[in-house]
Each structure stands twice: as structure tokens, then as C-alpha cells.
Protein backbone atom coordinates (compact mmCIF):
# COMPACT_ATOMS: atom_id res chain seq x y z
CA MET A 1 17.79 -29.33 12.76
CA GLN A 2 19.43 -33.02 13.47
CA GLU A 3 17.97 -36.59 11.14
CA GLY A 4 16.37 -38.91 13.57
CA ARG A 5 12.84 -40.38 14.90
CA ILE A 6 11.01 -38.11 17.63
CA ASP A 7 10.14 -40.43 19.78
CA SER A 8 8.26 -38.35 22.81
CA GLN A 9 5.17 -37.10 22.75
CA PRO A 10 6.71 -33.29 23.93
CA ALA A 11 9.53 -33.83 21.24
CA ARG A 12 6.79 -33.25 18.47
CA VAL A 13 4.78 -30.87 20.08
CA LEU A 14 8.27 -28.57 19.73
CA GLY A 15 9.01 -30.24 16.17
CA ARG A 16 5.34 -29.42 14.79
CA ARG A 17 5.52 -25.59 16.03
CA LEU A 18 9.35 -25.76 14.62
CA LEU A 19 8.11 -26.53 11.36
CA ASP A 20 5.16 -24.08 11.45
CA ALA A 21 7.07 -21.19 12.34
CA GLY A 22 9.36 -22.03 9.57
CA VAL A 23 12.30 -22.38 12.26
CA ALA A 24 13.43 -26.14 11.32
CA HIS A 25 12.48 -27.89 7.78
CA PRO A 26 11.89 -31.22 6.70
CA ARG A 27 14.24 -33.89 5.37
CA PRO A 28 11.78 -36.34 4.08
CA VAL A 29 12.52 -40.18 2.66
CA THR A 30 12.97 -40.76 -0.81
CA ARG A 31 10.18 -42.95 -1.65
CA ASP A 32 9.48 -45.47 -4.74
CA VAL A 33 6.07 -43.46 -6.46
CA ASP A 34 4.56 -46.78 -7.13
CA ASP A 35 0.72 -46.30 -8.27
CA ARG A 36 0.35 -43.66 -5.30
CA VAL A 37 0.26 -40.73 -7.89
CA THR A 38 -1.36 -39.67 -11.05
CA VAL A 39 -0.06 -36.38 -13.12
CA VAL A 40 -2.33 -34.30 -14.33
CA ILE A 41 -1.50 -32.09 -17.46
CA PRO A 42 -4.58 -29.41 -18.77
CA VAL A 43 -3.65 -27.59 -21.94
CA ARG A 44 -4.81 -25.94 -24.88
CA ASP A 45 -2.43 -25.88 -28.02
CA ARG A 46 1.38 -26.23 -27.50
CA PRO A 47 1.59 -29.51 -28.57
CA GLU A 48 5.56 -28.62 -28.87
CA GLN A 49 5.79 -27.86 -25.69
CA LEU A 50 3.22 -30.91 -24.30
CA ALA A 51 4.86 -33.13 -26.14
CA ARG A 52 8.56 -32.22 -24.09
CA CYS A 53 6.34 -32.39 -21.09
CA LEU A 54 5.10 -35.42 -21.82
CA ALA A 55 8.67 -36.78 -22.91
CA ALA A 56 10.22 -35.89 -19.24
CA VAL A 57 6.96 -37.01 -17.63
CA GLY A 58 8.02 -40.69 -18.95
CA ARG A 59 5.75 -43.96 -18.11
CA ARG A 60 6.46 -44.27 -14.97
CA SER A 61 3.35 -43.04 -13.52
CA CYS A 62 -0.13 -42.81 -14.62
CA THR A 63 -1.04 -39.06 -16.58
CA ILE A 64 -3.80 -38.03 -17.98
CA VAL A 65 -3.73 -35.24 -20.71
CA VAL A 66 -6.64 -32.97 -19.92
CA ASP A 67 -7.28 -30.99 -23.29
CA ASP A 68 -9.14 -27.52 -22.96
CA GLY A 69 -10.98 -26.97 -26.04
CA SER A 70 -7.50 -27.03 -28.28
CA LEU A 71 -7.78 -26.26 -31.88
CA ASP A 72 -6.03 -29.22 -33.01
CA ALA A 73 -7.38 -31.72 -30.69
CA ALA A 74 -5.84 -34.69 -33.10
CA ALA A 75 -2.58 -33.10 -32.43
CA VAL A 76 -2.90 -33.67 -28.37
CA ALA A 77 -5.10 -36.89 -28.63
CA ALA A 78 -2.06 -38.03 -30.95
CA LEU A 79 0.94 -36.63 -28.37
CA ALA A 80 -1.23 -38.32 -25.54
CA ALA A 81 -1.38 -41.74 -27.37
CA ARG A 82 2.12 -42.03 -28.22
CA HIS A 83 3.05 -40.84 -24.44
CA GLY A 84 0.93 -43.94 -22.75
CA ALA A 85 -1.70 -40.77 -21.59
CA LYS A 86 -5.34 -40.80 -20.85
CA LEU A 87 -6.50 -38.23 -22.95
CA ILE A 88 -9.74 -36.21 -21.34
CA ARG A 89 -11.36 -33.85 -24.18
CA ARG A 90 -13.64 -30.93 -22.97
CA PRO A 91 -14.93 -29.11 -25.99
CA LEU A 92 -14.77 -25.46 -24.86
CA PRO A 93 -12.11 -24.05 -23.07
CA GLY A 94 -12.93 -23.33 -19.04
CA GLY A 95 -9.25 -22.62 -17.55
CA PRO A 96 -6.98 -24.33 -16.13
CA ALA A 97 -8.97 -25.16 -12.79
CA ALA A 98 -12.05 -26.69 -14.65
CA ALA A 99 -9.93 -28.53 -16.91
CA ARG A 100 -8.04 -30.26 -13.30
CA ASN A 101 -11.25 -30.28 -11.84
CA ASP A 102 -12.35 -33.03 -14.64
CA ALA A 103 -9.04 -35.42 -13.57
CA LEU A 104 -10.24 -35.01 -10.80
CA ALA A 105 -13.07 -36.60 -10.96
CA LYS A 106 -11.89 -39.65 -12.33
CA LEU A 107 -8.89 -40.48 -10.68
CA SER A 108 -8.29 -42.77 -7.13
CA THR A 109 -4.88 -42.39 -7.32
CA GLU A 110 -3.61 -41.24 -3.04
CA LEU A 111 -2.31 -38.35 -4.77
CA VAL A 112 -2.50 -36.21 -8.14
CA ALA A 113 0.87 -33.54 -9.61
CA PHE A 114 -0.61 -30.81 -11.33
CA LEU A 115 1.90 -29.98 -14.21
CA ASP A 116 1.58 -27.46 -16.41
CA SER A 117 1.92 -27.95 -20.57
CA ASP A 118 5.02 -25.45 -20.32
CA CYS A 119 7.26 -27.46 -17.51
CA VAL A 120 9.77 -30.11 -17.95
CA PRO A 121 10.22 -31.64 -14.43
CA PRO A 122 13.36 -33.75 -13.29
CA GLU A 123 13.84 -37.38 -14.08
CA ASP A 124 12.81 -37.91 -9.42
CA TRP A 125 10.76 -35.04 -9.33
CA LEU A 126 7.72 -37.47 -7.13
CA ARG A 127 10.10 -39.60 -5.35
CA ALA A 128 11.41 -36.30 -4.33
CA LEU A 129 8.54 -35.02 -3.55
CA VAL A 130 6.08 -37.49 -1.94
CA GLY A 131 8.09 -38.25 1.20
CA HIS A 132 7.00 -34.89 2.57
CA PHE A 133 2.83 -36.94 2.48
CA ASP A 134 4.56 -39.45 5.32
CA ASP A 135 2.76 -36.57 7.65
CA ALA A 136 -0.31 -36.95 7.51
CA THR A 137 -1.04 -32.86 7.77
CA VAL A 138 0.46 -31.92 4.74
CA ALA A 139 -1.98 -32.10 1.75
CA ALA A 140 0.72 -30.36 -0.86
CA VAL A 141 4.33 -29.41 -1.65
CA ALA A 142 5.20 -27.30 -4.45
CA PRO A 143 8.58 -27.41 -5.84
CA ARG A 144 10.77 -24.61 -7.44
CA VAL A 145 9.35 -23.30 -10.77
CA ARG A 146 12.20 -22.00 -12.56
CA PRO A 147 12.44 -19.96 -16.21
CA ALA A 148 13.51 -22.82 -18.79
CA GLY A 149 17.44 -21.88 -19.15
CA GLY A 150 18.29 -20.94 -15.67
CA ALA A 151 21.90 -21.32 -14.28
CA GLY A 152 22.10 -24.75 -12.20
CA GLN A 153 18.66 -25.60 -12.64
CA ASN A 154 18.22 -29.29 -11.95
CA VAL A 155 16.10 -30.40 -15.22
CA VAL A 156 16.05 -33.07 -17.80
CA GLY A 157 18.26 -31.92 -20.60
CA TRP A 158 16.48 -31.97 -23.74
CA SER A 159 18.43 -34.52 -25.52
CA GLY A 160 16.70 -37.63 -26.10
CA LEU A 161 13.96 -34.82 -26.70
CA ASP A 162 14.61 -33.28 -29.78
CA GLN A 163 12.57 -36.35 -31.72
CA GLU A 164 9.47 -34.66 -31.24
CA GLY A 165 9.90 -31.73 -33.28
CA PRO A 166 12.18 -28.36 -32.45
CA LEU A 167 12.19 -26.62 -29.13
CA PRO A 168 9.36 -23.08 -28.84
CA ARG A 169 11.43 -20.03 -29.78
CA GLU A 170 11.36 -19.27 -26.06
CA SER A 171 12.80 -22.25 -24.77
CA ARG A 172 16.32 -22.18 -26.87
CA GLY A 173 18.12 -20.51 -23.69
CA ARG A 174 17.23 -16.62 -24.58
CA SER A 175 19.92 -14.42 -23.40
CA GLY A 176 18.54 -10.85 -24.08
CA ALA A 177 17.89 -8.38 -21.02
CA LEU A 178 14.08 -9.84 -21.07
CA GLY A 179 14.92 -13.46 -20.72
CA ARG A 180 17.77 -12.42 -17.96
CA TYR A 181 15.40 -10.56 -16.06
CA LEU A 182 12.52 -13.27 -16.08
CA ARG A 183 15.37 -15.70 -14.48
CA SER A 184 15.82 -13.78 -11.89
CA ARG A 185 12.25 -12.53 -10.86
CA SER A 186 9.63 -14.98 -12.27
CA PRO A 187 6.23 -14.25 -10.86
CA LEU A 188 6.47 -18.75 -10.27
CA ASP A 189 9.64 -18.16 -9.13
CA MET A 190 9.39 -18.29 -5.26
CA GLY A 191 12.84 -18.21 -4.30
CA ALA A 192 15.58 -20.94 -3.09
CA ARG A 193 14.17 -20.89 0.91
CA GLU A 194 12.46 -23.90 1.66
CA ALA A 195 9.14 -22.72 4.07
CA PRO A 196 5.81 -23.53 4.75
CA VAL A 197 3.20 -22.10 2.83
CA ARG A 198 -0.07 -19.97 4.80
CA PRO A 199 -1.33 -16.24 4.21
CA GLY A 200 0.53 -13.62 6.02
CA GLY A 201 3.87 -16.18 6.82
CA SER A 202 7.20 -15.30 4.68
CA LEU A 203 5.36 -17.52 1.69
CA THR A 204 1.42 -16.78 1.24
CA TYR A 205 1.45 -19.41 -1.86
CA VAL A 206 3.14 -20.95 -4.56
CA PRO A 207 1.77 -21.46 -8.16
CA SER A 208 0.14 -24.76 -9.54
CA ALA A 209 2.11 -25.10 -12.14
CA ALA A 210 4.05 -28.01 -10.49
CA LEU A 211 1.75 -28.70 -7.14
CA LEU A 212 1.88 -32.64 -5.61
CA VAL A 213 -1.98 -32.58 -3.44
CA ARG A 214 -3.42 -34.69 -1.23
CA ARG A 215 -6.37 -36.67 -3.32
CA GLY A 216 -8.62 -36.25 0.15
CA ALA A 217 -7.48 -32.95 0.76
CA LEU A 218 -9.12 -31.46 -2.56
CA GLU A 219 -12.08 -32.98 -2.16
CA ALA A 220 -14.23 -29.60 -3.09
CA GLY A 221 -11.14 -28.67 -6.37
CA PHE A 222 -9.85 -25.53 -7.75
CA ASP A 223 -12.73 -22.94 -8.34
CA GLU A 224 -13.99 -22.31 -11.86
CA ASP A 225 -14.77 -18.90 -11.50
CA LEU A 226 -11.08 -17.53 -10.71
CA ARG A 227 -9.20 -17.55 -14.11
CA TYR A 228 -6.20 -16.55 -12.74
CA GLY A 229 -5.65 -16.48 -8.76
CA GLU A 230 -7.25 -20.44 -8.81
CA ASP A 231 -3.35 -21.96 -7.21
CA VAL A 232 -3.69 -18.88 -4.30
CA ASP A 233 -7.74 -19.79 -3.58
CA VAL A 234 -6.43 -23.60 -3.18
CA VAL A 235 -3.78 -22.83 -0.97
CA TRP A 236 -5.30 -20.81 1.39
CA ARG A 237 -8.68 -22.97 1.63
CA LEU A 238 -6.52 -26.07 2.60
CA HIS A 239 -4.81 -24.12 5.39
CA ASP A 240 -8.59 -22.48 6.74
CA ALA A 241 -9.30 -25.76 6.65
CA GLY A 242 -6.13 -26.87 8.86
CA TRP A 243 -3.84 -28.54 6.38
CA ARG A 244 -0.22 -27.85 6.00
CA VAL A 245 1.80 -26.82 2.27
CA ARG A 246 4.98 -27.24 1.86
CA TYR A 247 7.64 -25.80 -0.09
CA ASP A 248 10.36 -27.48 -1.83
CA PRO A 249 13.37 -25.72 -3.78
CA ALA A 250 15.57 -28.49 -3.70
CA VAL A 251 13.68 -30.25 -6.68
CA GLU A 252 13.14 -27.48 -9.61
CA VAL A 253 10.75 -27.69 -12.48
CA SER A 254 11.89 -26.10 -15.73
CA HIS A 255 9.30 -23.44 -17.42
CA ASP A 256 8.51 -21.44 -20.48
CA GLU A 257 8.99 -18.08 -19.42
CA PRO A 258 6.75 -15.33 -22.08
CA PRO A 259 8.89 -14.51 -25.53
CA THR A 260 8.50 -10.79 -25.59
CA LEU A 261 8.06 -8.12 -23.20
CA ARG A 262 4.36 -7.25 -24.24
CA ALA A 263 3.73 -10.90 -23.49
CA ALA A 264 5.04 -10.90 -19.87
CA LEU A 265 3.55 -7.73 -19.12
CA ALA A 266 -0.09 -8.94 -19.83
CA ARG A 267 0.26 -12.17 -18.27
CA ARG A 268 1.33 -9.88 -15.00
CA PHE A 269 -1.75 -7.37 -15.95
CA ARG A 270 -3.61 -10.78 -15.65
CA TYR A 271 -2.62 -11.97 -12.68
CA GLY A 272 -3.23 -9.12 -10.70
CA THR A 273 -6.78 -9.03 -11.88
CA ALA A 274 -7.03 -11.61 -9.12
CA ALA A 275 -6.58 -9.52 -6.12
CA ALA A 276 -10.26 -8.35 -6.16
CA ALA A 277 -12.05 -11.81 -6.15
CA LEU A 278 -9.05 -13.31 -4.08
CA SER A 279 -9.39 -10.32 -1.60
CA ALA A 280 -13.64 -10.75 -1.57
CA ARG A 281 -13.04 -14.77 -0.95
CA HIS A 282 -10.53 -13.76 1.63
CA PRO A 283 -10.79 -11.18 3.89
CA GLY A 284 -7.84 -10.08 5.75
CA CYS A 285 -5.42 -12.13 3.56
CA LEU A 286 -4.16 -9.93 1.33
CA ASN A 287 -2.56 -6.77 2.62
CA ALA A 288 -1.51 -3.61 -0.26
CA ALA A 289 1.23 -2.36 1.83
CA THR A 290 2.19 -2.50 6.03
CA LEU A 291 2.25 0.11 7.83
CA PRO A 292 5.45 1.08 9.41
CA PRO A 293 4.70 0.45 13.77
CA SER A 294 3.71 3.65 15.90
CA PRO A 295 6.70 4.67 18.67
CA ALA A 296 4.44 3.47 21.42
CA ALA A 297 4.70 -0.10 19.86
CA LEU A 298 7.91 -0.29 19.36
CA VAL A 299 8.83 0.58 22.86
CA ARG A 300 6.21 -1.91 24.30
CA PHE A 301 8.23 -4.15 21.86
CA ALA A 302 11.42 -3.42 22.92
CA ALA A 303 9.79 -3.79 26.44
CA ARG A 304 8.69 -7.25 25.90
CA LEU A 305 12.11 -7.84 24.36
CA GLU A 306 14.12 -6.83 27.20
CA ARG A 307 11.67 -8.79 29.80
CA LEU A 308 12.61 -11.83 27.65
CA GLY A 309 16.07 -11.46 28.37
CA VAL A 310 17.36 -10.23 25.02
CA PRO A 311 20.52 -7.77 24.77
CA ARG A 312 18.86 -3.98 24.42
CA ARG A 313 21.41 -3.46 21.45
CA THR A 314 19.64 -6.75 19.59
CA ALA A 315 16.16 -5.64 21.12
CA ALA A 316 17.19 -2.38 19.56
CA ARG A 317 18.47 -3.84 15.86
CA TRP A 318 15.07 -5.88 15.48
CA SER A 319 12.87 -2.84 16.16
CA GLY A 320 15.17 -1.04 13.50
CA GLU A 321 14.46 -3.86 11.02
CA VAL A 322 10.77 -4.13 11.53
CA VAL A 323 10.66 -0.23 10.64
CA LEU A 324 12.77 -0.62 7.78
CA ARG A 325 10.84 -3.16 6.04
CA ALA A 326 7.47 -2.06 6.66
CA SER A 327 8.88 1.60 5.66
CA LEU A 328 10.05 -0.49 2.40
CA SER A 329 6.64 -1.93 1.62
CA LEU A 330 5.43 1.04 2.23
CA VAL A 331 7.55 2.99 -0.29
CA ARG A 332 7.13 0.59 -2.40
CA TYR A 333 3.41 0.26 -2.60
CA ALA A 334 3.63 4.04 -3.14
CA GLY A 335 5.30 2.89 -6.37
CA THR A 336 2.94 0.42 -7.90
CA ILE A 337 -0.24 -0.22 -6.62
CA GLY A 338 -0.61 3.21 -5.10
CA ALA A 339 1.31 4.56 -7.82
CA PRO A 340 -1.60 6.85 -9.72
CA VAL A 341 -2.18 8.63 -6.07
CA THR A 342 1.83 9.19 -5.25
CA LEU A 343 2.22 10.86 -8.46
CA ALA A 344 -0.74 13.29 -8.23
CA ILE A 345 0.52 14.40 -4.83
CA ALA A 346 4.03 15.00 -6.46
CA ARG A 347 2.34 17.20 -9.27
CA ARG A 348 0.80 18.95 -6.74
CA ARG A 349 3.56 19.75 -5.42
CA GLY A 350 5.17 21.06 -8.21
CA GLY A 351 7.59 19.37 -11.50
CA SER A 352 10.54 19.69 -8.57
CA ALA A 353 9.00 17.23 -6.55
CA LEU A 354 8.99 14.62 -9.18
CA PRO A 355 12.41 13.60 -9.29
CA ALA A 356 12.87 12.85 -5.82
CA VAL A 357 9.92 10.61 -5.88
CA LEU A 358 10.91 8.81 -8.68
CA ALA A 359 14.01 8.49 -6.42
CA LEU A 360 12.70 7.14 -3.34
CA LEU A 361 10.53 4.67 -5.17
CA ALA A 362 13.44 3.27 -6.48
CA LEU A 363 15.07 2.03 -3.48
CA PRO A 364 13.34 -1.21 -2.96
CA ILE A 365 13.73 -1.93 -6.25
CA LEU A 366 17.60 -1.35 -6.05
CA ARG A 367 17.71 -3.13 -2.96
CA GLU A 368 15.42 -6.27 -4.67
CA TRP A 369 18.12 -6.26 -7.73
CA SER A 370 21.42 -6.00 -5.24
CA ALA A 371 19.74 -9.15 -3.86
CA CYS A 372 19.11 -11.00 -6.67
CA GLY A 373 22.26 -11.55 -8.43
CA SER A 374 20.96 -10.94 -11.64
CA GLU A 375 23.18 -11.16 -14.51
CA LEU A 376 21.73 -8.27 -15.96
CA ASP A 377 22.71 -4.47 -15.24
CA ALA A 378 21.28 -2.31 -12.15
CA LEU A 379 19.63 0.06 -15.26
CA ARG A 380 18.02 -2.44 -16.91
CA TRP A 381 16.90 -4.57 -14.84
CA SER A 382 14.92 -1.57 -12.87
CA ALA A 383 13.68 -0.54 -15.37
CA LEU A 384 12.27 -3.45 -16.47
CA ALA A 385 11.15 -4.24 -12.50
CA MET A 386 9.11 -0.92 -12.43
CA VAL A 387 7.03 -1.78 -15.83
CA ASP A 388 6.67 -4.91 -14.62
CA ASP A 389 4.86 -3.70 -11.31
CA ALA A 390 2.65 -0.60 -12.95
CA ALA A 391 0.98 -3.64 -15.29
CA TYR A 392 0.64 -5.58 -12.37
CA ALA A 393 -0.66 -2.54 -10.28
CA ALA A 394 -3.09 -1.57 -13.61
CA GLY A 395 -4.48 -5.48 -13.30
CA VAL A 396 -5.07 -4.95 -9.55
CA TRP A 397 -7.01 -1.34 -10.39
CA TRP A 398 -9.06 -3.04 -13.33
CA GLY A 399 -10.29 -5.67 -10.84
CA CYS A 400 -10.61 -4.02 -8.04
CA VAL A 401 -12.86 -1.33 -9.89
CA ALA A 402 -14.73 -3.87 -12.23
CA SER A 403 -16.03 -5.96 -9.02
CA ARG A 404 -16.05 -2.47 -6.58
CA GLU A 405 -13.75 -4.20 -4.25
CA HIS A 406 -11.30 -1.76 -2.57
CA ARG A 407 -9.57 -3.59 -0.15
CA PRO A 408 -6.34 -4.76 -2.31
CA LEU A 409 -5.68 -1.16 -2.64
CA LEU A 410 -4.91 0.16 0.24
CA PRO A 411 -2.22 -0.17 3.21
CA ARG A 412 -3.25 -1.81 6.67
CA ALA A 413 -1.61 -1.67 9.65
CA ALA A 414 0.41 -5.24 10.65
CA ARG A 415 -1.12 -7.22 13.22
CA GLY A 416 1.77 -6.38 15.96
CA LEU A 417 5.52 -6.60 15.31
CA ALA A 418 6.21 -9.86 14.41
CA GLY A 419 3.35 -9.97 11.84
CA ALA A 420 5.09 -6.55 10.15
CA SER A 421 8.66 -8.10 10.22
CA GLU A 422 7.39 -11.67 8.55
CA ALA A 423 4.46 -11.27 5.98
CA PRO A 424 5.16 -9.24 3.13
CA SER A 425 2.75 -7.46 1.51
CA TYR A 426 1.00 -8.21 -1.49
CA ALA A 427 3.20 -5.65 -4.01
CA GLU A 428 5.69 -8.03 -2.30
CA MET A 429 3.91 -10.73 -2.98
CA SER A 430 3.67 -9.80 -6.99
CA LYS A 431 7.04 -10.01 -8.28
């Protein structure tokens, strides 16, 4: 889309439709932050990481550190004072949602930037993002959150920050198999493609690890009853209220990943437990898998394309892509959320069926490995991806059984062929 001013109402309507469809993307002007933004950093202990985060943020913006019941409150207070940040002290831990809400109640700036203490933003990250809010319908914009040490990251260099103490072990550019795997498949990294963020779209949520929000759009704050998934809930509530959320991967924020496989799997399990609560709050927004369309639906889709003047060969290719995506979604579901049922069926058919089933379940994983360009070999990457997905699926089952919520466990038909081709399943969201 060409740059320039849009001076006519029809052009504005067309531009809005293209932006909402993800066909075109905004190119906001870099703006001075001035006094428009307050940076809010919730933290519980982790003084070394907080020191790096505060040093990267600097004194260019008002900063609030919310101490969520740290055991060493004095260390957090000393760091906040050293970097000129205001401090809010919570005597008991309440989780990140409660910590962010405490800060929201005490600030008056137009915008608020939420930043986790284990993140390191680039120097001009706010100036690069704030231009999105020239659009009065935009409530939030998220940068890309990438694992620390990832190749090509636009992050503040470590030089000049070492006076705050040695870097945590997990931040020193780990080159082991887990580190290389997470650099290509961190659950906080939404990828390199910019997009509108909405339920049922190609990008359904963004993490609050780094998120710039219009304060007036977030009057209800974060749901403090959600220990995990509170960021997904906020994005979906903003969408339901008529606001728009954007993802801008041109700005990259560095984030520390778990240092061990056990810690990484525990994180994935915890993320999975949020599915039941999110499903109860947002019925219909969680999709465990998309069932392949029926032959009749495909015929209607092809006929509609033909009436629109689309060549038959092109229509057939598009229909095939829809079927392939839905089929891979169903296979992935069978190896993650639906794994207990899949393995039970394989056992009933005899031990000889198990290798064939496992080979089938590995197809979407290998396809993902081929597309992601990981520096890790296919065998180790696939093994880690499978246990990663298993941990997430176990969390989904745990949360659903505990709350007696079954909807996140079931596949469903797409809302038309367009939905089948675009919307990711919840299993795909989990990566």
C-alpha cells in the first residue's frame, strides 16, 4: 500500500477494510513520547533482570515499578530509586494482573506501556510504536517479543548495563538444544508478520510481556482472577468493545526464556490451564481444531469463486489449501489435545498401528520445523516440540477437568471456508 494522505471518505472506508482484513498494514510516523506514556513494570524479586530492564528503559519516560510481594523488597526499592522510577509495594503477591491494575489506578498519562521485568526493550521502542495511536480506533499495539540472544534482534546491547551486576545464567546467549529450540518456538514470539489481532483471525492474541495500551480503553483493567491468560482476555475484551489491536514486529523486545527443559514445560503447562477460564469468558473464541469442510461446502465455495470470475484452476488450488490446513489442524489436535483418545484408538487396533499413528502425528511438526528455519536439527526440534505440546495439552486437560469446562477439548466446524483457511486452532495458538 502506498504511503500518503487519504482525503476521501470512500478511500478511508476501503483503507479501513484493508487494514482490518490484514491485506494492508499501517506505517505510523515516529512520534516523540514526551509525557504521553507511563511504563509499568510488575516484578516479584528477580533483581538482576529488573536492573537490566530499568537500565534499558532509562529515564526518558515516567516509570512505575510494582513490587508484587517480593521476598527482598529492599533490593527492588533500591533499584527503583537508582533508576528514578516510582515504586508501588504490594505486601502480598497477587499476580501480574493485580500488579498492573494497581499501577493503572495511579497514573494519568494517555498511554501505558506494560513491560515484564525479564524483558529488555530497544532504545526507541516507544517512539516507534506510539504513532499507531494516531488512529483513534487503536487501543493497543504489541512489539515482537523474542528470546534473549536470538539472531538479528533489535535490542539494546549488553554494554553499559554490566554495572548492575552479572547477567542471569539463562540470558548469556545459551547455545544448547533447548535454547535453539526456544529461539524458533517461544510461546511469546508471535512471528515476523504484522497483523491485526482479533479472535478468529490469523493472529488471535499478543502477550502482555510488552504491550502499549491506550489507558482510556482499559478502564476495566486486567482480570485478577486469571493467573494465566489475562493478556488474551484483555485483547479479546478490547476487540469486543470495538477497539483495534495491532501487532508490529518491526520493534523487537528481548525476553529471558526458561533456563531448563523442566522450567519450559512447567510454563507451557501453566499456559494451558487458562484455556477453560478463557472459554467460559469468551464462548466460541477457542478452537481446539477445525474440521475439514464437507464436499458440499467445497462445491459451493468453488461455485461462488467461479461467479466472481476466479479461474477454475485457482479456485481448485484455494479449495485444496483450505482442506490441507483443516486436515493438518485436525492431525495436530489428534497429537495434542486429542492425544488420549488417539492413543486409546491406536491401542485398540493393535500395537502395529502405533508407529503409523506416530508418523502421521509427526507430519505437522515436521512441516512447522521446515518453515521456521530453526538452527536445530529436525529430530531434536521435533522431539522438543512434541513434549512441549504435550505439556500444554496436559495443562488444558487439567484446567478443563478442574472447572468442568469441556469446550476447549472439542474440535468444531469452521464458520465457512474463509474461516477454515484463516483461523488457527487453539493447538496452533499454543506454539
